[in-house]
Amino acid sequence: MKRIYIVCLLLVIIGSARQQAFAGWPIGKYRNIVVPSFNYYTSKDVYNSSGKKVKPAGNSSFTSYAYGLYVGYGITRRLDLIVNVLAPDQNSQFTTAAGTTYQQSFGFGDIQAGLSYALVNFDYKAYFSVQVSGIAPLYKHDEDVLDLGYGVFGSEVKFMYTGSFNKNFLRGCYFNVEAGYRRYFDKQGPNVIVYSALLGIPINKKNQVSFEIGGQNSSSSNKSFSQNLSVNRDFAFTKGAVNVGHTFTRRISVFASGFYTFMGRNAGVGYGGALQAVLKI
């Protein structure tokens, strides 16, 4: 179980890091934000092409421990530069008619870099932003180890609506809604729709909890499905997550999260969590 897990994992972690850091809020002119993270992902079952949860033949499984770094810099009050990179340490085994194959790999995955611009603000309490970024692999394809991604260049455009509630029972809560399109520059794509919605609830001045639903829908001319998920490019999944955050100072916060993939097609039934530190410089 190889490439499809890695691509899904990369996008899940990239999305989580941004939402916990500041979502669609502008960073601020000449300000910086740094988010180191540790992420865990595992899966033993899969959703087949009909969306049914099944157990693969043999003793197939995938586990990844990934180290991430997200950096944002405020160029102006509206324009931010963002860079995100991930280094997964992953282990996989999958069974075919020829037997069971064990693989392991560790290294830098894809790097994502681009610009985020706040198009409109609503009394500085909510922002509608667009983010355009490029994706580049920091690795070479190797048949003897697990792939760290598709190994091709790509791009993404994403729209974000972020803000806080000031009335009724949601007063003091915040939200973030995102929808984007990602394209990998390969003859088989894939073309990926990404989406998420998050609601954050402050417990007190130092602590908060948030709930998120998000996922991806990937389409490709290659519709085949295999137990070895590295050959699959046509897939979909939806996950739910719970995040808990604690603010130590105005510049330092820590977030812990857990997620579960509760629906999918040609995808892994994955679950795991992440630990992130948000440093505002």
C-alpha atoms as a PDB file:
ATOM      1  CA  MET A   1       0.000   0.000   0.000  1.00  0.00           C
ATOM      2  CA  LYS A   2       2.002   2.866  -1.305  1.00  0.00           C
ATOM      3  CA  ARG A   3       1.473   6.024  -3.251  1.00  0.00           C
ATOM      4  CA  ILE A   4      -2.189   6.763  -2.696  1.00  0.00           C
ATOM      5  CA  TYR A   5      -1.740   6.650   1.079  1.00  0.00           C
ATOM      6  CA  ILE A   6       1.193   9.069   0.842  1.00  0.00           C
ATOM      7  CA  VAL A   7      -0.654  11.574  -1.325  1.00  0.00           C
ATOM      8  CA  CYS A   8      -3.712  11.497   0.932  1.00  0.00           C
ATOM      9  CA  LEU A   9      -1.525  11.787   4.014  1.00  0.00           C
ATOM     10  CA  LEU A  10       0.397  14.758   2.614  1.00  0.00           C
ATOM     11  CA  LEU A  11      -2.773  16.665   1.843  1.00  0.00           C
ATOM     12  CA  VAL A  12      -4.367  15.863   5.184  1.00  0.00           C
ATOM     13  CA  ILE A  13      -1.311  17.088   7.091  1.00  0.00           C
ATOM     14  CA  ILE A  14      -0.817  20.188   4.942  1.00  0.00           C
ATOM     15  CA  GLY A  15      -4.462  21.144   5.445  1.00  0.00           C
ATOM     16  CA  SER A  16      -4.366  20.488   9.185  1.00  0.00           C
ATOM     17  CA  ALA A  17      -1.227  22.538   9.723  1.00  0.00           C
ATOM     18  CA  ARG A  18      -2.694  25.559   7.974  1.00  0.00           C
ATOM     19  CA  GLN A  19      -6.024  25.423   9.790  1.00  0.00           C
ATOM     20  CA  GLN A  20      -4.470  25.107  13.212  1.00  0.00           C
ATOM     21  CA  ALA A  21      -1.950  27.866  12.500  1.00  0.00           C
ATOM     22  CA  PHE A  22      -4.223  30.626  11.215  1.00  0.00           C
ATOM     23  CA  ALA A  23      -6.446  29.176   8.468  1.00  0.00           C
ATOM     24  CA  GLY A  24      -7.356  31.976   6.043  1.00  0.00           C
ATOM     25  CA  TRP A  25      -6.377  34.829   8.361  1.00  0.00           C
ATOM     26  CA  PRO A  26      -3.616  37.075   6.945  1.00  0.00           C
ATOM     27  CA  ILE A  27      -0.346  36.714   8.867  1.00  0.00           C
ATOM     28  CA  GLY A  28       0.363  40.457   9.005  1.00  0.00           C
ATOM     29  CA  LYS A  29       2.992  42.587   7.297  1.00  0.00           C
ATOM     30  CA  TYR A  30       6.576  41.497   8.047  1.00  0.00           C
ATOM     31  CA  ARG A  31       5.370  38.871  10.513  1.00  0.00           C
ATOM     32  CA  ASN A  32       6.302  35.193  10.449  1.00  0.00           C
ATOM     33  CA  ILE A  33       4.644  31.988  11.533  1.00  0.00           C
ATOM     34  CA  VAL A  34       6.449  28.660  11.937  1.00  0.00           C
ATOM     35  CA  VAL A  35       4.643  25.353  12.530  1.00  0.00           C
ATOM     36  CA  PRO A  36       6.747  22.243  13.221  1.00  0.00           C
ATOM     37  CA  SER A  37       4.641  19.087  13.457  1.00  0.00           C
ATOM     38  CA  PHE A  38       4.703  15.366  14.103  1.00  0.00           C
ATOM     39  CA  ASN A  39       2.060  13.246  12.371  1.00  0.00           C
ATOM     40  CA  TYR A  40       0.931   9.629  12.675  1.00  0.00           C
ATOM     41  CA  TYR A  41      -1.127   7.699  10.120  1.00  0.00           C
ATOM     42  CA  THR A  42      -2.045   4.013   9.892  1.00  0.00           C
ATOM     43  CA  SER A  43      -4.417   1.863   7.840  1.00  0.00           C
ATOM     44  CA  LYS A  44      -5.155  -1.856   7.508  1.00  0.00           C
ATOM     45  CA  ASP A  45      -8.520  -1.863   5.718  1.00  0.00           C
ATOM     46  CA  VAL A  46      -9.617  -0.156   2.489  1.00  0.00           C
ATOM     47  CA  TYR A  47     -12.735   1.272   0.861  1.00  0.00           C
ATOM     48  CA  ASN A  48     -13.140  -0.524  -2.478  1.00  0.00           C
ATOM     49  CA  SER A  49     -14.355   0.965  -5.762  1.00  0.00           C
ATOM     50  CA  SER A  50     -17.962   0.717  -4.527  1.00  0.00           C
ATOM     51  CA  GLY A  51     -17.202   2.507  -1.276  1.00  0.00           C
ATOM     52  CA  LYS A  52     -17.509  -0.643   0.819  1.00  0.00           C
ATOM     53  CA  LYS A  53     -15.100  -1.170   3.703  1.00  0.00           C
ATOM     54  CA  VAL A  54     -13.147  -4.393   3.095  1.00  0.00           C
ATOM     55  CA  LYS A  55     -10.072  -6.131   4.462  1.00  0.00           C
ATOM     56  CA  PRO A  56      -7.367  -6.733   1.825  1.00  0.00           C
ATOM     57  CA  ALA A  57      -6.151 -10.254   1.193  1.00  0.00           C
ATOM     58  CA  GLY A  58      -3.247 -11.366   3.345  1.00  0.00           C
ATOM     59  CA  ASN A  59      -1.899  -9.093   6.056  1.00  0.00           C
ATOM     60  CA  SER A  60      -1.697  -5.742   4.278  1.00  0.00           C
ATOM     61  CA  SER A  61      -1.022  -2.583   6.275  1.00  0.00           C
ATOM     62  CA  PHE A  62       0.535   0.874   6.081  1.00  0.00           C
ATOM     63  CA  THR A  63       1.997   3.078   8.829  1.00  0.00           C
ATOM     64  CA  SER A  64       3.695   6.461   8.603  1.00  0.00           C
ATOM     65  CA  TYR A  65       5.411   8.767  11.082  1.00  0.00           C
ATOM     66  CA  ALA A  66       5.931  12.133   9.419  1.00  0.00           C
ATOM     67  CA  TYR A  67       7.799  15.265  10.414  1.00  0.00           C
ATOM     68  CA  GLY A  68       6.542  18.511   8.918  1.00  0.00           C
ATOM     69  CA  LEU A  69       7.489  22.171   8.768  1.00  0.00           C
ATOM     70  CA  TYR A  70       5.154  24.958   7.658  1.00  0.00           C
ATOM     71  CA  VAL A  71       6.485  28.523   7.300  1.00  0.00           C
ATOM     72  CA  GLY A  72       4.483  31.649   6.479  1.00  0.00           C
ATOM     73  CA  TYR A  73       5.714  35.214   5.945  1.00  0.00           C
ATOM     74  CA  GLY A  74       3.552  38.329   5.666  1.00  0.00           C
ATOM     75  CA  ILE A  75       4.720  40.307   2.634  1.00  0.00           C
ATOM     76  CA  THR A  76       1.958  42.900   3.024  1.00  0.00           C
ATOM     77  CA  ARG A  77      -1.180  43.161   5.132  1.00  0.00           C
ATOM     78  CA  ARG A  78      -3.000  41.046   2.547  1.00  0.00           C
ATOM     79  CA  LEU A  79      -0.296  38.988   0.818  1.00  0.00           C
ATOM     80  CA  ASP A  80       1.505  36.043   2.464  1.00  0.00           C
ATOM     81  CA  LEU A  81       4.225  33.673   1.306  1.00  0.00           C
ATOM     82  CA  ILE A  82       3.731  30.055   2.428  1.00  0.00           C
ATOM     83  CA  VAL A  83       6.058  27.035   2.291  1.00  0.00           C
ATOM     84  CA  ASN A  84       5.257  23.525   3.516  1.00  0.00           C
ATOM     85  CA  VAL A  85       7.452  20.422   3.482  1.00  0.00           C
ATOM     86  CA  LEU A  86       7.023  16.943   4.947  1.00  0.00           C
ATOM     87  CA  ALA A  87       9.473  14.105   5.710  1.00  0.00           C
ATOM     88  CA  PRO A  88       7.622  10.780   6.151  1.00  0.00           C
ATOM     89  CA  ASP A  89       9.049   7.627   7.722  1.00  0.00           C
ATOM     90  CA  GLN A  90       6.782   4.900   6.365  1.00  0.00           C
ATOM     91  CA  ASN A  91       6.374   1.141   6.425  1.00  0.00           C
ATOM     92  CA  SER A  92       4.130  -0.968   4.214  1.00  0.00           C
ATOM     93  CA  GLN A  93       3.292  -4.562   3.447  1.00  0.00           C
ATOM     94  CA  PHE A  94       0.899  -5.834   0.806  1.00  0.00           C
ATOM     95  CA  THR A  95      -0.001  -9.276  -0.479  1.00  0.00           C
ATOM     96  CA  THR A  96      -0.433 -10.461  -4.072  1.00  0.00           C
ATOM     97  CA  ALA A  97      -0.480 -13.863  -5.742  1.00  0.00           C
ATOM     98  CA  ALA A  98       3.314 -13.743  -5.764  1.00  0.00           C
ATOM     99  CA  GLY A  99       3.486 -13.366  -1.974  1.00  0.00           C
ATOM    100  CA  THR A 100       3.886 -10.614   0.602  1.00  0.00           C
ATOM    101  CA  THR A 101       6.073  -7.587  -0.062  1.00  0.00           C
ATOM    102  CA  TYR A 102       7.570  -5.474   2.712  1.00  0.00           C
ATOM    103  CA  GLN A 103       8.823  -1.955   2.007  1.00  0.00           C
ATOM    104  CA  GLN A 104      10.172   0.980   4.009  1.00  0.00           C
ATOM    105  CA  SER A 105      11.328   4.483   3.148  1.00  0.00           C
ATOM    106  CA  PHE A 106      12.251   7.760   4.803  1.00  0.00           C
ATOM    107  CA  GLY A 107      13.013  11.140   3.267  1.00  0.00           C
ATOM    108  CA  PHE A 108      11.615  14.444   2.109  1.00  0.00           C
ATOM    109  CA  GLY A 109       8.320  14.235   0.239  1.00  0.00           C
ATOM    110  CA  ASP A 110       6.733  17.001  -1.832  1.00  0.00           C
ATOM    111  CA  ILE A 111       7.320  20.666  -1.106  1.00  0.00           C
ATOM    112  CA  GLN A 112       4.437  23.097  -1.532  1.00  0.00           C
ATOM    113  CA  ALA A 113       5.119  26.812  -1.915  1.00  0.00           C
ATOM    114  CA  GLY A 114       2.965  29.714  -3.003  1.00  0.00           C
ATOM    115  CA  LEU A 115       1.111  32.912  -2.169  1.00  0.00           C
ATOM    116  CA  SER A 116      -2.055  33.587  -0.197  1.00  0.00           C
ATOM    117  CA  TYR A 117      -3.987  36.825  -0.776  1.00  0.00           C
ATOM    118  CA  ALA A 118      -6.913  38.203   1.235  1.00  0.00           C
ATOM    119  CA  LEU A 119      -9.336  39.384  -1.448  1.00  0.00           C
ATOM    120  CA  VAL A 120     -12.019  40.804   0.848  1.00  0.00           C
ATOM    121  CA  ASN A 121     -12.380  41.475   4.569  1.00  0.00           C
ATOM    122  CA  PHE A 122     -15.646  41.954   6.408  1.00  0.00           C
ATOM    123  CA  ASP A 123     -14.942  44.537   9.132  1.00  0.00           C
ATOM    124  CA  TYR A 124     -11.683  42.642   9.764  1.00  0.00           C
ATOM    125  CA  LYS A 125     -13.719  39.883  11.437  1.00  0.00           C
ATOM    126  CA  ALA A 126     -13.879  37.598   8.412  1.00  0.00           C
ATOM    127  CA  TYR A 127     -11.722  37.176   5.309  1.00  0.00           C
ATOM    128  CA  PHE A 128     -12.199  35.664   1.872  1.00  0.00           C
ATOM    129  CA  SER A 129      -8.801  34.611   0.500  1.00  0.00           C
ATOM    130  CA  VAL A 130      -7.244  32.769  -2.421  1.00  0.00           C
ATOM    131  CA  GLN A 131      -4.071  30.704  -2.292  1.00  0.00           C
ATOM    132  CA  VAL A 132      -2.069  29.668  -5.365  1.00  0.00           C
ATOM    133  CA  SER A 133       0.827  27.268  -4.935  1.00  0.00           C
ATOM    134  CA  GLY A 134       3.132  24.898  -6.761  1.00  0.00           C
ATOM    135  CA  ILE A 135       4.127  21.351  -5.808  1.00  0.00           C
ATOM    136  CA  ALA A 136       7.561  19.854  -6.463  1.00  0.00           C
ATOM    137  CA  PRO A 137       8.962  16.426  -5.497  1.00  0.00           C
ATOM    138  CA  LEU A 138      12.136  16.391  -3.374  1.00  0.00           C
ATOM    139  CA  TYR A 139      12.850  12.728  -4.187  1.00  0.00           C
ATOM    140  CA  LYS A 140      13.489  10.378  -7.083  1.00  0.00           C
ATOM    141  CA  HIS A 141      11.386   7.377  -7.984  1.00  0.00           C
ATOM    142  CA  ASP A 142      12.893   4.107  -6.744  1.00  0.00           C
ATOM    143  CA  GLU A 143      11.307   0.713  -7.441  1.00  0.00           C
ATOM    144  CA  ASP A 144      12.928  -0.822  -4.347  1.00  0.00           C
ATOM    145  CA  VAL A 145      11.364   1.528  -1.768  1.00  0.00           C
ATOM    146  CA  LEU A 146       7.990   3.101  -1.039  1.00  0.00           C
ATOM    147  CA  ASP A 147       7.236   6.105  -3.202  1.00  0.00           C
ATOM    148  CA  LEU A 148       7.096   9.378  -1.279  1.00  0.00           C
ATOM    149  CA  GLY A 149       4.501  10.809  -3.686  1.00  0.00           C
ATOM    150  CA  TYR A 150       3.563  10.796  -7.366  1.00  0.00           C
ATOM    151  CA  GLY A 151       7.025  12.088  -8.262  1.00  0.00           C
ATOM    152  CA  VAL A 152       5.691  14.785 -10.612  1.00  0.00           C
ATOM    153  CA  PHE A 153       5.124  18.535 -10.412  1.00  0.00           C
ATOM    154  CA  GLY A 154       1.715  19.971  -9.656  1.00  0.00           C
ATOM    155  CA  SER A 155      -0.208  23.110  -8.758  1.00  0.00           C
ATOM    156  CA  GLU A 156      -3.121  24.086  -6.555  1.00  0.00           C
ATOM    157  CA  VAL A 157      -5.596  26.957  -6.260  1.00  0.00           C
ATOM    158  CA  LYS A 158      -7.684  27.180  -3.111  1.00  0.00           C
ATOM    159  CA  PHE A 159     -10.343  29.568  -1.802  1.00  0.00           C
ATOM    160  CA  MET A 160     -10.775  30.142   1.944  1.00  0.00           C
ATOM    161  CA  TYR A 161     -13.457  31.869   3.997  1.00  0.00           C
ATOM    162  CA  THR A 162     -12.410  32.441   7.603  1.00  0.00           C
ATOM    163  CA  GLY A 163     -13.879  34.432  10.439  1.00  0.00           C
ATOM    164  CA  SER A 164     -15.475  34.575  13.873  1.00  0.00           C
ATOM    165  CA  PHE A 165     -19.043  34.653  15.149  1.00  0.00           C
ATOM    166  CA  ASN A 166     -20.197  37.662  17.147  1.00  0.00           C
ATOM    167  CA  LYS A 167     -23.829  36.847  17.877  1.00  0.00           C
ATOM    168  CA  ASN A 168     -26.084  34.207  19.363  1.00  0.00           C
ATOM    169  CA  PHE A 169     -24.844  30.994  20.968  1.00  0.00           C
ATOM    170  CA  LEU A 170     -21.793  30.813  18.654  1.00  0.00           C
ATOM    171  CA  ARG A 171     -20.404  34.123  19.907  1.00  0.00           C
ATOM    172  CA  GLY A 172     -16.615  33.823  20.300  1.00  0.00           C
ATOM    173  CA  CYS A 173     -16.359  30.765  18.034  1.00  0.00           C
ATOM    174  CA  TYR A 174     -14.480  30.815  14.736  1.00  0.00           C
ATOM    175  CA  PHE A 175     -14.813  29.015  11.414  1.00  0.00           C
ATOM    176  CA  ASN A 176     -12.816  28.125   8.320  1.00  0.00           C
ATOM    177  CA  VAL A 177     -14.213  26.801   5.028  1.00  0.00           C
ATOM    178  CA  GLU A 178     -11.911  25.794   2.155  1.00  0.00           C
ATOM    179  CA  ALA A 179     -12.348  24.452  -1.378  1.00  0.00           C
ATOM    180  CA  GLY A 180      -9.582  23.914  -3.894  1.00  0.00           C
ATOM    181  CA  TYR A 181      -8.414  22.240  -7.076  1.00  0.00           C
ATOM    182  CA  ARG A 182      -5.108  20.411  -7.404  1.00  0.00           C
ATOM    183  CA  ARG A 183      -3.597  19.220 -10.681  1.00  0.00           C
ATOM    184  CA  TYR A 184      -0.627  16.901 -11.156  1.00  0.00           C
ATOM    185  CA  PHE A 185       1.188  17.385 -14.460  1.00  0.00           C
ATOM    186  CA  ASP A 186       1.044  13.801 -15.683  1.00  0.00           C
ATOM    187  CA  LYS A 187      -0.942  12.303 -18.562  1.00  0.00           C
ATOM    188  CA  GLN A 188      -3.034  10.368 -16.020  1.00  0.00           C
ATOM    189  CA  GLY A 189      -3.300  13.318 -13.641  1.00  0.00           C
ATOM    190  CA  PRO A 190      -4.894  13.048 -11.231  1.00  0.00           C
ATOM    191  CA  ASN A 191      -7.172  16.058 -10.847  1.00  0.00           C
ATOM    192  CA  VAL A 192      -8.105  16.490  -7.181  1.00  0.00           C
ATOM    193  CA  ILE A 193     -10.881  18.486  -5.506  1.00  0.00           C
ATOM    194  CA  VAL A 194     -10.022  19.270  -1.865  1.00  0.00           C
ATOM    195  CA  TYR A 195     -12.470  20.623   0.706  1.00  0.00           C
ATOM    196  CA  SER A 196     -12.828  21.156   4.444  1.00  0.00           C
ATOM    197  CA  ALA A 197     -14.986  22.905   7.043  1.00  0.00           C
ATOM    198  CA  LEU A 198     -13.870  23.657  10.591  1.00  0.00           C
ATOM    199  CA  LEU A 199     -15.617  25.081  13.678  1.00  0.00           C
ATOM    200  CA  GLY A 200     -13.505  26.241  16.601  1.00  0.00           C
ATOM    201  CA  ILE A 201     -14.868  26.702  20.122  1.00  0.00           C
ATOM    202  CA  PRO A 202     -12.944  28.530  22.862  1.00  0.00           C
ATOM    203  CA  ILE A 203     -13.104  26.813  26.247  1.00  0.00           C
ATOM    204  CA  ASN A 204     -11.380  29.674  28.059  1.00  0.00           C
ATOM    205  CA  LYS A 205      -8.626  32.214  27.317  1.00  0.00           C
ATOM    206  CA  LYS A 206      -5.966  29.498  27.067  1.00  0.00           C
ATOM    207  CA  ASN A 207      -7.757  26.478  25.617  1.00  0.00           C
ATOM    208  CA  GLN A 208      -9.876  25.671  22.593  1.00  0.00           C
ATOM    209  CA  VAL A 209     -11.359  22.716  20.719  1.00  0.00           C
ATOM    210  CA  SER A 210     -12.303  22.451  17.062  1.00  0.00           C
ATOM    211  CA  PHE A 211     -14.180  19.993  14.865  1.00  0.00           C
ATOM    212  CA  GLU A 212     -13.416  19.433  11.206  1.00  0.00           C
ATOM    213  CA  ILE A 213     -14.799  17.537   8.231  1.00  0.00           C
ATOM    214  CA  GLY A 214     -12.763  17.410   5.033  1.00  0.00           C
ATOM    215  CA  GLY A 215     -11.687  15.248   2.182  1.00  0.00           C
ATOM    216  CA  GLN A 216     -10.679  14.847  -1.432  1.00  0.00           C
ATOM    217  CA  ASN A 217     -12.178  13.626  -4.689  1.00  0.00           C
ATOM    218  CA  SER A 218      -9.553  12.554  -7.213  1.00  0.00           C
ATOM    219  CA  SER A 219     -10.330  11.732 -10.845  1.00  0.00           C
ATOM    220  CA  SER A 220      -8.115  10.170 -13.492  1.00  0.00           C
ATOM    221  CA  SER A 221      -8.362   8.444 -16.851  1.00  0.00           C
ATOM    222  CA  ASN A 222      -6.968   5.392 -15.057  1.00  0.00           C
ATOM    223  CA  LYS A 223     -10.008   3.899 -13.284  1.00  0.00           C
ATOM    224  CA  SER A 224      -8.414   0.570 -12.320  1.00  0.00           C
ATOM    225  CA  PHE A 225      -8.407  -0.611  -8.715  1.00  0.00           C
ATOM    226  CA  SER A 226      -5.740  -2.792  -7.193  1.00  0.00           C
ATOM    227  CA  GLN A 227      -4.967  -4.125  -3.737  1.00  0.00           C
ATOM    228  CA  ASN A 228      -1.625  -2.409  -4.241  1.00  0.00           C
ATOM    229  CA  LEU A 229      -3.025   1.113  -3.917  1.00  0.00           C
ATOM    230  CA  SER A 230       0.048   2.749  -5.458  1.00  0.00           C
ATOM    231  CA  VAL A 231      -1.447   2.253  -8.918  1.00  0.00           C
ATOM    232  CA  ASN A 232      -4.769   3.922  -8.037  1.00  0.00           C
ATOM    233  CA  ARG A 233      -5.342   7.532  -9.067  1.00  0.00           C
ATOM    234  CA  ASP A 234      -9.138   7.605  -9.092  1.00  0.00           C
ATOM    235  CA  PHE A 235     -10.299   7.797  -5.465  1.00  0.00           C
ATOM    236  CA  ALA A 236     -12.224   9.751  -2.846  1.00  0.00           C
ATOM    237  CA  PHE A 237     -12.355   9.989   0.923  1.00  0.00           C
ATOM    238  CA  THR A 238     -13.923  12.020   3.721  1.00  0.00           C
ATOM    239  CA  LYS A 239     -12.442  12.320   7.206  1.00  0.00           C
ATOM    240  CA  GLY A 240     -13.509  13.766  10.534  1.00  0.00           C
ATOM    241  CA  ALA A 241     -11.116  15.300  13.047  1.00  0.00           C
ATOM    242  CA  VAL A 242     -11.086  16.722  16.558  1.00  0.00           C
ATOM    243  CA  ASN A 243      -8.393  19.246  17.524  1.00  0.00           C
ATOM    244  CA  VAL A 244      -7.472  20.543  20.983  1.00  0.00           C
ATOM    245  CA  GLY A 245      -5.283  23.609  21.441  1.00  0.00           C
ATOM    246  CA  HIS A 246      -3.535  25.360  24.334  1.00  0.00           C
ATOM    247  CA  THR A 247      -2.021  28.849  24.207  1.00  0.00           C
ATOM    248  CA  PHE A 248       1.065  29.316  26.369  1.00  0.00           C
ATOM    249  CA  THR A 249       1.826  32.896  25.307  1.00  0.00           C
ATOM    250  CA  ARG A 250       0.707  35.296  22.561  1.00  0.00           C
ATOM    251  CA  ARG A 251       3.418  33.750  20.381  1.00  0.00           C
ATOM    252  CA  ILE A 252       3.373  30.054  21.309  1.00  0.00           C
ATOM    253  CA  SER A 253       0.493  27.583  20.997  1.00  0.00           C
ATOM    254  CA  VAL A 254       0.322  23.788  20.817  1.00  0.00           C
ATOM    255  CA  PHE A 255      -2.347  21.689  19.091  1.00  0.00           C
ATOM    256  CA  ALA A 256      -3.107  17.964  19.285  1.00  0.00           C
ATOM    257  CA  SER A 257      -5.519  16.319  16.860  1.00  0.00           C
ATOM    258  CA  GLY A 258      -6.992  12.963  15.928  1.00  0.00           C
ATOM    259  CA  PHE A 259      -8.786  11.929  12.735  1.00  0.00           C
ATOM    260  CA  TYR A 260     -10.624   9.000  11.157  1.00  0.00           C
ATOM    261  CA  THR A 261     -11.525   8.345   7.510  1.00  0.00           C
ATOM    262  CA  PHE A 262     -15.187   7.374   7.743  1.00  0.00           C
ATOM    263  CA  MET A 263     -16.030   7.245   4.027  1.00  0.00           C
ATOM    264  CA  GLY A 264     -14.115   6.591   0.829  1.00  0.00           C
ATOM    265  CA  ARG A 265     -13.620   4.943  -2.546  1.00  0.00           C
ATOM    266  CA  ASN A 266     -10.375   3.260  -3.661  1.00  0.00           C
ATOM    267  CA  ALA A 267      -8.837   4.659  -0.466  1.00  0.00           C
ATOM    268  CA  GLY A 268      -7.483   3.523   2.863  1.00  0.00           C
ATOM    269  CA  VAL A 269      -9.557   3.392   6.045  1.00  0.00           C
ATOM    270  CA  GLY A 270      -7.021   5.564   7.827  1.00  0.00           C
ATOM    271  CA  TYR A 271      -6.791   7.030  11.303  1.00  0.00           C
ATOM    272  CA  GLY A 272      -4.137   8.817  13.305  1.00  0.00           C
ATOM    273  CA  GLY A 273      -3.213  12.132  14.831  1.00  0.00           C
ATOM    274  CA  ALA A 274      -0.844  15.071  14.890  1.00  0.00           C
ATOM    275  CA  LEU A 275       1.010  17.276  17.347  1.00  0.00           C
ATOM    276  CA  GLN A 276       1.855  20.825  16.242  1.00  0.00           C
ATOM    277  CA  ALA A 277       3.518  23.871  17.758  1.00  0.00           C
ATOM    278  CA  VAL A 278       2.515  27.269  16.350  1.00  0.00           C
ATOM    279  CA  LEU A 279       5.237  29.890  16.733  1.00  0.00           C
ATOM    280  CA  LYS A 280       4.419  33.512  15.837  1.00  0.00           C
ATOM    281  CA  ILE A 281       7.558  35.566  15.242  1.00  0.00           C
END
